[in-house]
Amino acid sequence: MKKVLIIDDAMFMREALKISLRKNGFEVVGEAENGIKGVNLYKALKPDIVTMDINMPEMDGMGALKQIINFDSKAKIIIVSALGQEVQVRRALLNGAKAFIVKPFKEDYVIETLNKVAAL
């Protein structure tokens, strides 16, 4: 069972992802509402996959992405972000993210994407 860390400032989004992931055989090992907590949880939990929003308080997803990749260059991070942030998502991919999912998301696409990234 693949371990997933969810980093998103919106509790409803974390809950929606958690429900979808658990229903489809993933283990959600942690949640964080900002990039600082997300980076610290990544280091402590060493999950197989991270889902991460871009716009968050304290430290945004771009800052957290860079710190996690610096800590673990093999980190498998999937950006989950709103369509209006496409430019930032592309930048995230250039900085080490493995995929992006546009909000609002479809459960089937989330699971398909996580399975593909898990297989990398």
N, C-alpha and C. Protein backbone atom coordinates (compact mmCIF):
# COMPACT_ATOMS: atom_id res chain seq x y z
N MET A 1 0.84 -1.18 0.00
CA MET A 1 0.00 0.00 0.00
C MET A 1 0.89 1.25 0.00
N LYS A 2 0.70 2.13 -0.98
CA LYS A 2 1.52 3.34 -1.11
C LYS A 2 1.10 4.37 -0.07
N LYS A 3 2.10 4.99 0.57
CA LYS A 3 1.87 6.00 1.60
C LYS A 3 1.84 7.39 0.96
N VAL A 4 0.81 8.18 1.31
CA VAL A 4 0.62 9.50 0.72
C VAL A 4 0.55 10.57 1.80
N LEU A 5 1.21 11.69 1.54
CA LEU A 5 1.12 12.89 2.37
C LEU A 5 0.34 13.92 1.58
N ILE A 6 -0.69 14.51 2.20
CA ILE A 6 -1.52 15.53 1.56
C ILE A 6 -1.17 16.88 2.16
N ILE A 7 -0.78 17.84 1.28
CA ILE A 7 -0.45 19.19 1.73
C ILE A 7 -1.37 20.16 1.00
N ASP A 8 -2.33 20.73 1.74
CA ASP A 8 -3.30 21.66 1.15
C ASP A 8 -3.90 22.47 2.29
N ASP A 9 -4.06 23.78 2.09
CA ASP A 9 -4.60 24.61 3.17
C ASP A 9 -6.11 24.45 3.34
N ALA A 10 -6.80 23.92 2.36
CA ALA A 10 -8.26 23.74 2.44
C ALA A 10 -8.59 22.37 3.05
N MET A 11 -9.21 22.39 4.22
CA MET A 11 -9.55 21.14 4.90
C MET A 11 -10.48 20.27 4.05
N PHE A 12 -11.45 20.90 3.36
CA PHE A 12 -12.38 20.10 2.55
C PHE A 12 -11.64 19.39 1.42
N MET A 13 -10.59 20.01 0.89
CA MET A 13 -9.81 19.39 -0.18
C MET A 13 -9.00 18.22 0.37
N ARG A 14 -8.41 18.41 1.55
CA ARG A 14 -7.67 17.30 2.18
C ARG A 14 -8.62 16.13 2.44
N GLU A 15 -9.81 16.43 2.93
CA GLU A 15 -10.79 15.37 3.21
C GLU A 15 -11.21 14.65 1.93
N ALA A 16 -11.49 15.41 0.88
CA ALA A 16 -11.91 14.80 -0.39
C ALA A 16 -10.81 13.88 -0.94
N LEU A 17 -9.57 14.36 -0.90
CA LEU A 17 -8.45 13.53 -1.37
C LEU A 17 -8.29 12.29 -0.49
N LYS A 18 -8.36 12.49 0.81
CA LYS A 18 -8.17 11.38 1.74
C LYS A 18 -9.21 10.28 1.50
N ILE A 19 -10.46 10.67 1.34
CA ILE A 19 -11.53 9.69 1.09
C ILE A 19 -11.27 8.93 -0.21
N SER A 20 -10.95 9.66 -1.28
CA SER A 20 -10.69 9.03 -2.58
C SER A 20 -9.50 8.08 -2.51
N LEU A 21 -8.43 8.53 -1.87
CA LEU A 21 -7.22 7.72 -1.82
C LEU A 21 -7.43 6.45 -1.00
N ARG A 22 -8.01 6.58 0.17
CA ARG A 22 -8.24 5.40 1.02
C ARG A 22 -9.15 4.40 0.34
N LYS A 23 -10.17 4.89 -0.34
CA LYS A 23 -11.12 4.03 -1.04
C LYS A 23 -10.43 3.23 -2.15
N ASN A 24 -9.31 3.77 -2.64
CA ASN A 24 -8.62 3.15 -3.78
C ASN A 24 -7.27 2.54 -3.41
N GLY A 25 -7.10 2.18 -2.14
CA GLY A 25 -5.93 1.40 -1.74
C GLY A 25 -4.69 2.16 -1.35
N PHE A 26 -4.78 3.47 -1.16
CA PHE A 26 -3.63 4.25 -0.71
C PHE A 26 -3.76 4.48 0.79
N GLU A 27 -2.63 4.64 1.46
CA GLU A 27 -2.62 4.94 2.89
C GLU A 27 -2.22 6.40 3.06
N VAL A 28 -3.11 7.20 3.64
CA VAL A 28 -2.80 8.61 3.91
C VAL A 28 -2.09 8.65 5.26
N VAL A 29 -0.80 8.97 5.23
CA VAL A 29 0.01 8.92 6.45
C VAL A 29 0.13 10.27 7.15
N GLY A 30 -0.28 11.34 6.46
CA GLY A 30 -0.20 12.64 7.09
C GLY A 30 -0.88 13.71 6.26
N GLU A 31 -1.18 14.83 6.93
CA GLU A 31 -1.80 15.99 6.29
C GLU A 31 -1.15 17.24 6.84
N ALA A 32 -1.00 18.25 5.99
CA ALA A 32 -0.47 19.53 6.43
C ALA A 32 -1.24 20.64 5.73
N GLU A 33 -1.41 21.76 6.44
CA GLU A 33 -2.16 22.89 5.88
C GLU A 33 -1.28 24.00 5.33
N ASN A 34 0.04 23.79 5.38
CA ASN A 34 0.95 24.76 4.77
C ASN A 34 2.27 24.08 4.43
N GLY A 35 3.08 24.78 3.65
CA GLY A 35 4.32 24.19 3.16
C GLY A 35 5.33 23.87 4.24
N ILE A 36 5.41 24.70 5.27
CA ILE A 36 6.38 24.45 6.36
C ILE A 36 6.07 23.12 7.04
N LYS A 37 4.81 22.94 7.42
CA LYS A 37 4.41 21.68 8.07
C LYS A 37 4.57 20.51 7.10
N GLY A 38 4.27 20.76 5.83
CA GLY A 38 4.41 19.71 4.82
C GLY A 38 5.83 19.22 4.67
N VAL A 39 6.78 20.14 4.61
CA VAL A 39 8.20 19.77 4.49
C VAL A 39 8.62 18.96 5.73
N ASN A 40 8.25 19.44 6.91
CA ASN A 40 8.62 18.73 8.14
C ASN A 40 8.00 17.33 8.18
N LEU A 41 6.73 17.21 7.77
CA LEU A 41 6.10 15.89 7.75
C LEU A 41 6.75 14.99 6.71
N TYR A 42 7.13 15.54 5.57
CA TYR A 42 7.81 14.73 4.55
C TYR A 42 9.07 14.12 5.14
N LYS A 43 9.86 14.93 5.80
CA LYS A 43 11.12 14.45 6.38
C LYS A 43 10.87 13.40 7.46
N ALA A 44 9.81 13.56 8.24
CA ALA A 44 9.52 12.62 9.33
C ALA A 44 8.88 11.33 8.82
N LEU A 45 7.98 11.44 7.85
CA LEU A 45 7.18 10.28 7.43
C LEU A 45 7.73 9.55 6.21
N LYS A 46 8.50 10.25 5.38
CA LYS A 46 9.05 9.68 4.14
C LYS A 46 7.97 8.95 3.33
N PRO A 47 6.92 9.67 2.92
CA PRO A 47 5.85 9.03 2.15
C PRO A 47 6.32 8.66 0.74
N ASP A 48 5.56 7.78 0.10
CA ASP A 48 5.87 7.39 -1.28
C ASP A 48 5.48 8.49 -2.27
N ILE A 49 4.40 9.21 -1.95
CA ILE A 49 3.86 10.24 -2.84
C ILE A 49 3.36 11.41 -2.00
N VAL A 50 3.46 12.61 -2.57
CA VAL A 50 2.92 13.82 -1.94
C VAL A 50 1.95 14.47 -2.92
N THR A 51 0.77 14.87 -2.43
CA THR A 51 -0.10 15.75 -3.22
C THR A 51 0.01 17.12 -2.56
N MET A 52 0.16 18.17 -3.38
CA MET A 52 0.41 19.48 -2.81
C MET A 52 -0.24 20.60 -3.62
N ASP A 53 -0.90 21.50 -2.90
CA ASP A 53 -1.46 22.71 -3.49
C ASP A 53 -0.33 23.71 -3.69
N ILE A 54 -0.57 24.74 -4.50
CA ILE A 54 0.43 25.79 -4.67
C ILE A 54 0.17 26.96 -3.72
N ASN A 55 -1.06 27.48 -3.74
CA ASN A 55 -1.38 28.63 -2.89
C ASN A 55 -1.71 28.18 -1.47
N MET A 56 -0.79 28.46 -0.55
CA MET A 56 -0.97 28.13 0.86
C MET A 56 -0.30 29.21 1.70
N PRO A 57 -0.75 29.38 2.95
CA PRO A 57 -0.11 30.36 3.82
C PRO A 57 1.25 29.88 4.34
N GLU A 58 2.00 30.79 4.88
CA GLU A 58 3.30 30.56 5.53
C GLU A 58 4.40 30.14 4.55
N MET A 59 4.22 29.06 3.84
CA MET A 59 5.13 28.69 2.75
C MET A 59 4.27 28.07 1.66
N ASP A 60 4.37 28.60 0.45
CA ASP A 60 3.54 28.07 -0.63
C ASP A 60 4.09 26.75 -1.17
N GLY A 61 3.35 26.18 -2.10
CA GLY A 61 3.74 24.89 -2.66
C GLY A 61 5.05 24.91 -3.42
N MET A 62 5.36 26.04 -4.06
CA MET A 62 6.63 26.12 -4.80
C MET A 62 7.82 26.06 -3.84
N GLY A 63 7.73 26.78 -2.74
CA GLY A 63 8.81 26.75 -1.75
C GLY A 63 8.95 25.37 -1.14
N ALA A 64 7.81 24.76 -0.81
CA ALA A 64 7.84 23.42 -0.21
C ALA A 64 8.37 22.39 -1.20
N LEU A 65 7.95 22.51 -2.46
CA LEU A 65 8.43 21.60 -3.51
C LEU A 65 9.95 21.65 -3.58
N LYS A 66 10.50 22.85 -3.65
CA LYS A 66 11.95 23.01 -3.76
C LYS A 66 12.67 22.43 -2.55
N GLN A 67 12.13 22.66 -1.34
CA GLN A 67 12.78 22.14 -0.14
C GLN A 67 12.72 20.62 -0.09
N ILE A 68 11.58 20.05 -0.47
CA ILE A 68 11.47 18.58 -0.45
C ILE A 68 12.40 17.97 -1.49
N ILE A 69 12.44 18.54 -2.69
CA ILE A 69 13.33 18.01 -3.73
C ILE A 69 14.79 18.15 -3.32
N ASN A 70 15.15 19.25 -2.65
CA ASN A 70 16.53 19.41 -2.15
C ASN A 70 16.85 18.35 -1.10
N PHE A 71 15.86 18.00 -0.28
CA PHE A 71 16.05 16.98 0.75
C PHE A 71 16.08 15.58 0.14
N ASP A 72 15.21 15.34 -0.85
CA ASP A 72 15.08 14.02 -1.48
C ASP A 72 14.80 14.21 -2.97
N SER A 73 15.84 14.11 -3.77
CA SER A 73 15.69 14.37 -5.21
C SER A 73 14.77 13.36 -5.90
N LYS A 74 14.47 12.24 -5.25
CA LYS A 74 13.59 11.23 -5.84
C LYS A 74 12.14 11.37 -5.36
N ALA A 75 11.84 12.43 -4.63
CA ALA A 75 10.48 12.64 -4.12
C ALA A 75 9.47 12.66 -5.26
N LYS A 76 8.33 12.04 -5.03
CA LYS A 76 7.26 11.98 -6.02
C LYS A 76 6.14 12.91 -5.58
N ILE A 77 6.17 14.12 -6.15
CA ILE A 77 5.22 15.16 -5.75
C ILE A 77 4.28 15.45 -6.90
N ILE A 78 2.98 15.47 -6.58
CA ILE A 78 1.94 15.78 -7.55
C ILE A 78 1.29 17.09 -7.10
N ILE A 79 1.30 18.09 -7.97
CA ILE A 79 0.66 19.35 -7.67
C ILE A 79 -0.83 19.23 -7.96
N VAL A 80 -1.65 19.66 -7.01
CA VAL A 80 -3.10 19.68 -7.18
C VAL A 80 -3.51 21.14 -7.03
N SER A 81 -3.87 21.78 -8.15
CA SER A 81 -4.07 23.22 -8.13
C SER A 81 -5.19 23.66 -9.06
N ALA A 82 -5.67 24.86 -8.87
CA ALA A 82 -6.75 25.41 -9.70
C ALA A 82 -6.24 25.76 -11.09
N LEU A 83 -7.12 25.72 -12.06
CA LEU A 83 -6.78 25.96 -13.46
C LEU A 83 -6.12 27.31 -13.68
N GLY A 84 -6.52 28.35 -12.94
CA GLY A 84 -5.96 29.67 -13.11
C GLY A 84 -4.48 29.77 -12.78
N GLN A 85 -3.91 28.73 -12.24
CA GLN A 85 -2.51 28.73 -11.82
C GLN A 85 -1.65 27.87 -12.73
N GLU A 86 -2.08 27.67 -13.96
CA GLU A 86 -1.36 26.78 -14.87
C GLU A 86 0.11 27.13 -15.06
N VAL A 87 0.41 28.43 -15.12
CA VAL A 87 1.80 28.85 -15.30
C VAL A 87 2.64 28.39 -14.12
N GLN A 88 2.09 28.55 -12.92
CA GLN A 88 2.81 28.09 -11.72
C GLN A 88 2.96 26.57 -11.72
N VAL A 89 1.96 25.88 -12.18
CA VAL A 89 2.04 24.41 -12.22
C VAL A 89 3.14 23.97 -13.18
N ARG A 90 3.22 24.61 -14.33
CA ARG A 90 4.30 24.28 -15.27
C ARG A 90 5.66 24.53 -14.62
N ARG A 91 5.77 25.65 -13.89
CA ARG A 91 7.02 25.96 -13.19
C ARG A 91 7.33 24.87 -12.16
N ALA A 92 6.28 24.39 -11.49
CA ALA A 92 6.47 23.32 -10.51
C ALA A 92 7.00 22.06 -11.18
N LEU A 93 6.50 21.74 -12.36
CA LEU A 93 6.98 20.56 -13.08
C LEU A 93 8.46 20.71 -13.43
N LEU A 94 8.85 21.91 -13.81
CA LEU A 94 10.26 22.17 -14.11
C LEU A 94 11.13 22.07 -12.86
N ASN A 95 10.52 22.30 -11.69
CA ASN A 95 11.27 22.24 -10.43
C ASN A 95 11.20 20.88 -9.75
N GLY A 96 10.63 19.87 -10.42
CA GLY A 96 10.70 18.53 -9.86
C GLY A 96 9.39 17.82 -9.60
N ALA A 97 8.26 18.52 -9.72
CA ALA A 97 6.98 17.82 -9.55
C ALA A 97 6.83 16.79 -10.66
N LYS A 98 6.17 15.68 -10.37
CA LYS A 98 6.03 14.59 -11.34
C LYS A 98 4.76 14.70 -12.18
N ALA A 99 3.75 15.44 -11.69
CA ALA A 99 2.48 15.56 -12.41
C ALA A 99 1.68 16.69 -11.80
N PHE A 100 0.61 17.07 -12.49
CA PHE A 100 -0.32 18.00 -11.87
C PHE A 100 -1.74 17.59 -12.15
N ILE A 101 -2.60 17.91 -11.20
CA ILE A 101 -4.02 17.62 -11.28
C ILE A 101 -4.73 18.95 -11.10
N VAL A 102 -5.67 19.26 -11.99
CA VAL A 102 -6.39 20.52 -11.92
C VAL A 102 -7.62 20.37 -11.03
N LYS A 103 -7.80 21.35 -10.12
CA LYS A 103 -9.00 21.40 -9.29
C LYS A 103 -10.09 22.12 -10.06
N PRO A 104 -11.35 21.73 -9.92
CA PRO A 104 -11.80 20.55 -9.17
C PRO A 104 -11.43 19.29 -9.93
N PHE A 105 -11.09 18.25 -9.19
CA PHE A 105 -10.59 17.04 -9.83
C PHE A 105 -11.64 15.94 -9.89
N LYS A 106 -11.39 15.00 -10.79
CA LYS A 106 -12.22 13.80 -10.88
C LYS A 106 -11.45 12.67 -10.19
N GLU A 107 -12.14 11.92 -9.36
CA GLU A 107 -11.50 10.87 -8.59
C GLU A 107 -10.72 9.89 -9.47
N ASP A 108 -11.32 9.46 -10.58
CA ASP A 108 -10.65 8.49 -11.46
C ASP A 108 -9.31 9.03 -11.95
N TYR A 109 -9.26 10.31 -12.30
CA TYR A 109 -8.02 10.90 -12.80
C TYR A 109 -6.97 11.00 -11.68
N VAL A 110 -7.42 11.32 -10.48
CA VAL A 110 -6.49 11.39 -9.33
C VAL A 110 -5.85 10.03 -9.11
N ILE A 111 -6.65 8.98 -9.09
CA ILE A 111 -6.13 7.63 -8.82
C ILE A 111 -5.22 7.18 -9.96
N GLU A 112 -5.62 7.44 -11.19
CA GLU A 112 -4.81 7.08 -12.35
C GLU A 112 -3.44 7.80 -12.27
N THR A 113 -3.46 9.08 -11.94
CA THR A 113 -2.22 9.85 -11.86
C THR A 113 -1.33 9.35 -10.73
N LEU A 114 -1.91 9.08 -9.57
CA LEU A 114 -1.10 8.58 -8.45
C LEU A 114 -0.50 7.21 -8.78
N ASN A 115 -1.27 6.37 -9.44
CA ASN A 115 -0.73 5.05 -9.82
C ASN A 115 0.42 5.19 -10.80
N LYS A 116 0.30 6.10 -11.77
CA LYS A 116 1.39 6.31 -12.73
C LYS A 116 2.64 6.84 -12.04
N VAL A 117 2.47 7.83 -11.15
CA VAL A 117 3.61 8.41 -10.45
C VAL A 117 4.23 7.38 -9.50
N ALA A 118 3.43 6.57 -8.86
CA ALA A 118 3.94 5.54 -7.96
C ALA A 118 4.84 4.56 -8.72
N ALA A 119 4.52 4.33 -9.98
CA ALA A 119 5.27 3.36 -10.79
C ALA A 119 6.59 3.92 -11.34
N LEU A 120 6.80 5.22 -11.20
CA LEU A 120 8.03 5.83 -11.73
C LEU A 120 9.28 5.33 -11.00
